[in-house]
Amino acid sequence: MADTVEIVPEGGRHPVPKRVNAGPQTQPDTIDQTSPDFDIMKDDGSWELINSLMGGTKAMRKKGEKYLPRERKEKMRDWENRRDRSFLLNKFKDAVNKTSSKPFSRPITLQNAEKLHEQLKLIEDDADGTGRNLTQFFWACFKNALEKGLTHVLVDFPAIDGQLTLAQERALGVRPRFVHIKAEDLFFWKFDNDDNLVEIRFTEKGVESSGEHSQKKVERIRVYKKETWELWEKNEKGAWEKKEDGTHTFNGVPLTTWYMDQDGVMTATPPFLELAWTNLTHWQSYSDQRNLLRVARVPIVVGSGFTKGEIDDGIEIGATRFIVSENPDAKIEHAEHSGKAIEAGRMDLKDLEEQMDMMALEPFVGKTGAPTATAKAIDESKSQSSVQAWIRSGENVVKNCYALAGEWVKYELPDDFKADIFNDFAIVLMGKDDKETLLKTVQSGKISQQTYLRECKRRGFLSENLDVEEEIEAIESQPPLLMGIPESSESDEGGEGDEE
């Protein structure tokens, strides 16, 4: 973070940045203190469950009895076997991935970007200094916000040593950069009496050399205040030490937050939280079902009427064994499961899966009205949905980030600058009759093929990557179909090996 004052004309110079490397300092016990609202979000169990679901089957198994309780008299070995036979149907992760990918299946577009300051123009192709473009950067931000309910972007300016001209800064690529801070990493914030953000603290993880041929993980805390910044690192004894500090000239904390379902300042509820809990229920029910099937599939042999001596001598069961007894009423049979519990478990899993599918679709559904007629369906699909509201909020976040970057270089954004994120994908939940009506509508010529394909694409019946115009051309150029099969080519007529 450099102590830049202003962008000066070509050939001018910046003042020397105020940067201090004070060396290790013992850390006060409060540097890793968390904000109360952060504790509420973190400790209510939702983030822990969400992290486990995102980690898949391996992470869920690792949680052990927390998410897969052991029955009262269940032996540990039996429980471990049951755990290791349990697999996660990851509807939560699938919902997060599909929802986050839709808006960013097309690049973010910037209106009037040509008017931007030269240093700000570089952000579109490399938002964070690592090579990720603007679309890739905010895709990752959106995914984290869908998981946790919110996410943060810090607009920072790299620290530089010495004085640089504007031309030298351009040559070195020194410019504002976006730093994505995940919801779970920003653990402390403070506002002044005027509700201005004056301090944040967030964790960083890194790797550094440890000897000639090895590396070690390091934990860091970065503190960003109104005029200063600090970098703390945990030593081998588990204590925090200040490694660096310095000043900056932003006169504030250049942070913006992207909310999904906002509860308050810097707090939010994960939008797919109920889906997460339902997915946990499915995990547990699936484990019970697999265990029940394992037991039901093992034949249980029941014998009666045998003498004690015959039992002591051992009764061998097998296809090549002949069993005799002194008691003419002695018998051996198989006890079989009635199957009612298995069917009940199967239906429970099916119901949960359908419920989770509906929960995953809910953010895409328009908020207005409930008519199901196809005549109204197309208009209704354009109504406001939760995802579209999140995307509109994201567009403001992008613009705010550019505005903060502009403040770093003493530049004000043009009034007509705007960010556009693709959001034309709201759907209407349609029943069987509605789908048939839509098909009949295009067959009757009341809507065009293009409109029909676009609406099918909008509702998720067709791939988001489908090019409607190319599909129309392909339909027009393909050969006629006979009974659903293309007409025979010349090679099919009278070829060798043909049967009469």
Foldseek 3Di string as FASTA:
>chain_A
DFAFDAADPFPDKGPFGWWDFPAWDFDDPCQPPFDPQLCVLPVPCLLVLLVQLLVFLVSQLVVPCVLANDDPPHDPVNSNVLSVVFGFPRLPNVLLVVLLVLLLVDPKDKPPLVPDDPLLNVCQQPAAPPRDGPSRVVSVQSSLCLSRFKWKKFWDWDYDGDMDHPVRCVVVSGAIHIDTAHLNFWGHWDADPVRATFKTKGKDKDWDDDPDPDIDIWIWIWMDGQFKIWIWTQDPVRTIITRIMGTYDLRGTLMDMQGQADDDVSHGGNLCSVLSVLSSVLSNLSSVLVVVVVVQVDWDKDKDDADPVLVVVPDDDDPPDDDDGPGPPIDMDTDHDPCPVNVVSVVVNVVSVVVSVCSSQQQLAAPDDDDQALVCFVVRQQHDGSSNVSVVSVFVVVVSSSQSSCSSNVHGDDPPITIDTDDSQRHHDHDPVSVVNLVVCCVVVVDDQLVSVVNCCSHPVDPVPDDSVVVVVVVVPDADDDVNHHDDDPCVPPHPPDDD
